[in-house]
Protein backbone atom coordinates (compact mmCIF):
# COMPACT_ATOMS: atom_id res chain seq x y z
CA MET A 1 0.00 0.00 0.00
CA ASN A 2 2.88 2.38 0.75
CA ALA A 3 4.23 2.21 -2.83
CA ALA A 4 0.76 2.80 -4.26
CA LEU A 5 0.26 5.85 -2.03
CA GLN A 6 3.66 7.26 -2.93
CA ARG A 7 2.85 6.79 -6.62
CA LEU A 8 -0.50 8.53 -6.09
CA ARG A 9 1.28 11.44 -4.41
CA ALA A 10 3.73 11.70 -7.34
CA GLU A 11 0.92 11.62 -9.91
CA ILE A 12 -0.99 14.32 -8.02
CA ARG A 13 2.16 16.49 -7.93
CA PHE A 14 2.51 16.10 -11.71
CA ASP A 15 -1.14 17.09 -12.26
CA ARG A 16 -0.75 20.07 -9.93
CA GLU A 17 2.23 21.26 -11.98
CA THR A 18 0.18 20.86 -15.17
CA PHE A 19 -2.66 22.88 -13.62
CA GLN A 20 -0.24 25.67 -12.68
CA LYS A 21 1.26 25.74 -16.19
CA ARG A 22 -2.21 26.17 -17.70
CA LEU A 23 -3.01 28.95 -15.20
CA ASP A 24 0.25 30.70 -16.08
CA GLU A 25 -0.60 30.35 -19.77
CA LEU A 26 -4.08 31.78 -19.20
CA GLU A 27 -2.61 34.90 -17.60
CA THR A 28 -0.72 35.70 -20.81
CA ILE A 29 -3.76 35.55 -23.12
CA PRO A 30 -5.46 38.88 -23.94
CA LEU A 31 -9.20 38.56 -23.32
CA GLY A 32 -10.38 42.15 -23.28
CA THR A 33 -11.95 44.04 -26.15
CA GLU A 34 -8.82 43.30 -28.18
CA ALA A 35 -9.31 39.53 -27.92
CA SER A 36 -9.06 37.78 -31.25
CA PRO A 37 -10.83 34.53 -32.09
CA ALA A 38 -7.42 32.84 -31.81
CA SER A 39 -6.90 34.25 -28.29
CA CYS A 40 -10.35 33.06 -27.29
CA ALA A 41 -9.64 29.60 -28.65
CA GLN A 42 -6.29 29.47 -26.85
CA ALA A 43 -7.93 30.55 -23.58
CA ALA A 44 -10.72 28.00 -23.98
CA VAL A 45 -8.22 25.20 -24.54
CA ALA A 46 -6.14 26.32 -21.54
CA LEU A 47 -9.27 26.42 -19.34
CA HIS A 48 -10.23 22.97 -20.59
CA HIS A 49 -6.79 21.58 -19.81
CA ALA A 50 -6.54 23.32 -16.43
CA TYR A 51 -9.81 21.77 -15.33
CA GLY A 52 -8.70 18.44 -16.81
CA ALA A 53 -5.60 18.47 -14.59
CA ILE A 54 -7.74 19.04 -11.49
CA GLU A 55 -10.23 16.39 -12.56
CA SER A 56 -7.36 13.97 -13.10
CA ILE A 57 -6.30 14.51 -9.48
CA LEU A 58 -9.85 13.90 -8.27
CA GLU A 59 -10.17 10.74 -10.37
CA ARG A 60 -6.87 9.41 -9.00
CA ILE A 61 -8.11 9.98 -5.45
CA ALA A 62 -11.47 8.36 -6.21
CA ARG A 63 -9.73 5.26 -7.57
CA GLY A 64 -6.73 5.07 -5.28
CA VAL A 65 -8.23 6.11 -1.96
CA ASP A 66 -12.01 5.79 -2.23
CA GLY A 67 -11.83 2.62 -4.35
CA ASP A 68 -14.57 4.07 -6.51
CA LEU A 69 -14.88 4.28 -10.27
CA LEU A 70 -17.76 6.61 -11.02
CA SER A 71 -19.85 6.12 -14.12
CA GLY A 72 -23.03 7.39 -15.69
CA PRO A 73 -23.88 10.60 -17.48
CA ASP A 74 -23.27 12.85 -14.47
CA TRP A 75 -20.09 11.26 -13.16
CA HIS A 76 -18.08 14.49 -13.57
CA GLN A 77 -20.50 16.36 -11.27
CA ALA A 78 -20.65 13.42 -8.85
CA LEU A 79 -16.85 13.26 -8.68
CA LEU A 80 -16.59 16.96 -7.91
CA HIS A 81 -19.35 16.76 -5.29
CA GLY A 82 -17.81 13.67 -3.67
CA MET A 83 -14.43 15.33 -3.24
CA GLY A 84 -16.10 17.93 -1.06
CA LEU A 85 -17.26 15.24 1.35
CA GLU A 86 -15.37 13.66 4.22
CA ILE A 87 -15.61 9.88 4.08
CA GLU A 88 -15.37 8.75 7.68
CA GLY A 89 -12.62 6.22 8.23
CA VAL A 90 -11.33 6.69 4.67
CA ARG A 91 -10.29 10.27 4.02
CA PRO A 92 -11.01 13.90 4.85
CA ALA A 93 -12.78 16.13 2.34
CA VAL A 94 -10.33 16.95 -0.44
CA LEU A 95 -12.00 20.21 -1.48
CA SER A 96 -13.86 22.96 0.36
CA ARG A 97 -17.38 23.97 -0.65
CA GLU A 98 -15.92 27.15 -2.13
CA SER A 99 -13.52 25.20 -4.32
CA VAL A 100 -16.26 22.84 -5.45
CA ALA A 101 -18.46 25.80 -6.40
CA GLY A 102 -15.71 27.51 -8.41
CA LEU A 103 -14.69 24.31 -10.14
CA ARG A 104 -18.33 23.57 -10.98
CA GLU A 105 -18.40 26.78 -13.07
CA VAL A 106 -15.33 25.70 -15.01
CA LEU A 107 -16.71 22.16 -15.42
CA SER A 108 -19.88 23.62 -16.94
CA PHE A 109 -17.79 25.60 -19.40
CA ARG A 110 -15.70 22.55 -20.26
CA HIS A 111 -18.87 20.60 -21.07
CA PHE A 112 -20.07 23.49 -23.25
CA PHE A 113 -16.66 23.75 -24.95
CA ARG A 114 -16.56 20.06 -25.75
CA HIS A 115 -20.03 20.02 -27.30
CA ALA A 116 -20.62 23.48 -28.84
CA TYR A 117 -18.60 23.30 -32.02
CA ALA A 118 -20.34 26.08 -33.96
CA VAL A 119 -20.64 28.64 -31.15
CA GLU A 120 -18.47 31.74 -31.01
CA LEU A 121 -16.42 32.01 -27.81
CA ASN A 122 -17.16 35.00 -25.60
CA PRO A 123 -13.99 36.76 -24.37
CA ALA A 124 -15.79 38.25 -21.34
CA GLN A 125 -16.97 34.79 -20.25
CA LEU A 126 -13.47 33.41 -20.74
CA ALA A 127 -12.00 36.26 -18.70
CA ASP A 128 -14.53 35.54 -15.92
CA LEU A 129 -13.62 31.86 -15.90
CA ARG A 130 -9.93 32.72 -15.84
CA ARG A 131 -10.63 34.91 -12.79
CA VAL A 132 -12.60 32.09 -11.14
CA LEU A 133 -9.65 29.70 -11.56
CA SER A 134 -7.08 32.30 -10.52
CA ASP A 135 -9.10 33.17 -7.42
CA ALA A 136 -9.59 29.49 -6.57
CA ALA A 137 -5.96 28.49 -7.15
CA PRO A 138 -4.53 29.45 -3.72
CA GLY A 139 -7.32 27.61 -1.89
CA LEU A 140 -7.01 24.59 -4.17
CA SER A 141 -3.27 24.53 -3.60
CA ALA A 142 -3.69 24.65 0.18
CA GLU A 143 -6.36 21.93 0.09
CA LEU A 144 -4.27 19.65 -2.11
CA THR A 145 -1.22 20.26 0.07
CA ALA A 146 -3.25 19.29 3.14
CA PHE A 147 -4.48 16.16 1.35
CA ASP A 148 -0.92 15.28 0.38
CA ALA A 149 0.04 15.53 4.07
CA PHE A 150 -2.82 13.15 4.87
CA LEU A 151 -1.55 10.69 2.25
CA ALA A 152 1.99 10.98 3.64
CA GLU A 153 0.70 10.11 7.12
CA VAL A 154 -1.21 7.13 5.80
CA ALA A 155 1.84 5.96 3.86
CA ALA A 156 3.95 6.26 7.02
CA GLY A 157 1.35 4.28 8.96
CA ASN A 158 0.43 7.19 11.22
CA ALA A 159 -3.20 7.63 10.17
């Protein structure tokens, strides 16, 4: 179990780095009145990938800690909701209610982005979503750091 937990911790670190790279990329994309269709597309892809990195972390935790593989049409929402819950005797909540709420906004956009091929991207909406992720990032980082400490304790046999 120790090796599996250490691998999980390493995979989560990798996904966290990917998330940060996408956030850094988002900050460089002009999304004001000067936003071009190319800038909007670049921002949409970066938002998609940033959320994907967070969702990857949550999926890894669901599989590796909860022992749960979610399925069904609403599994993305269920995964996000479940990570805001403490599971007694298994793990603490991974995310706060505030983080879940912010991520839910980005998840909704990602669903739209994946399925709305002929719709023009709105730079103001993209800028709002960038702000949501930027505002959520410090809290997410603290929550994931706390969860990593929990995993380290479990791996050391102290939890």
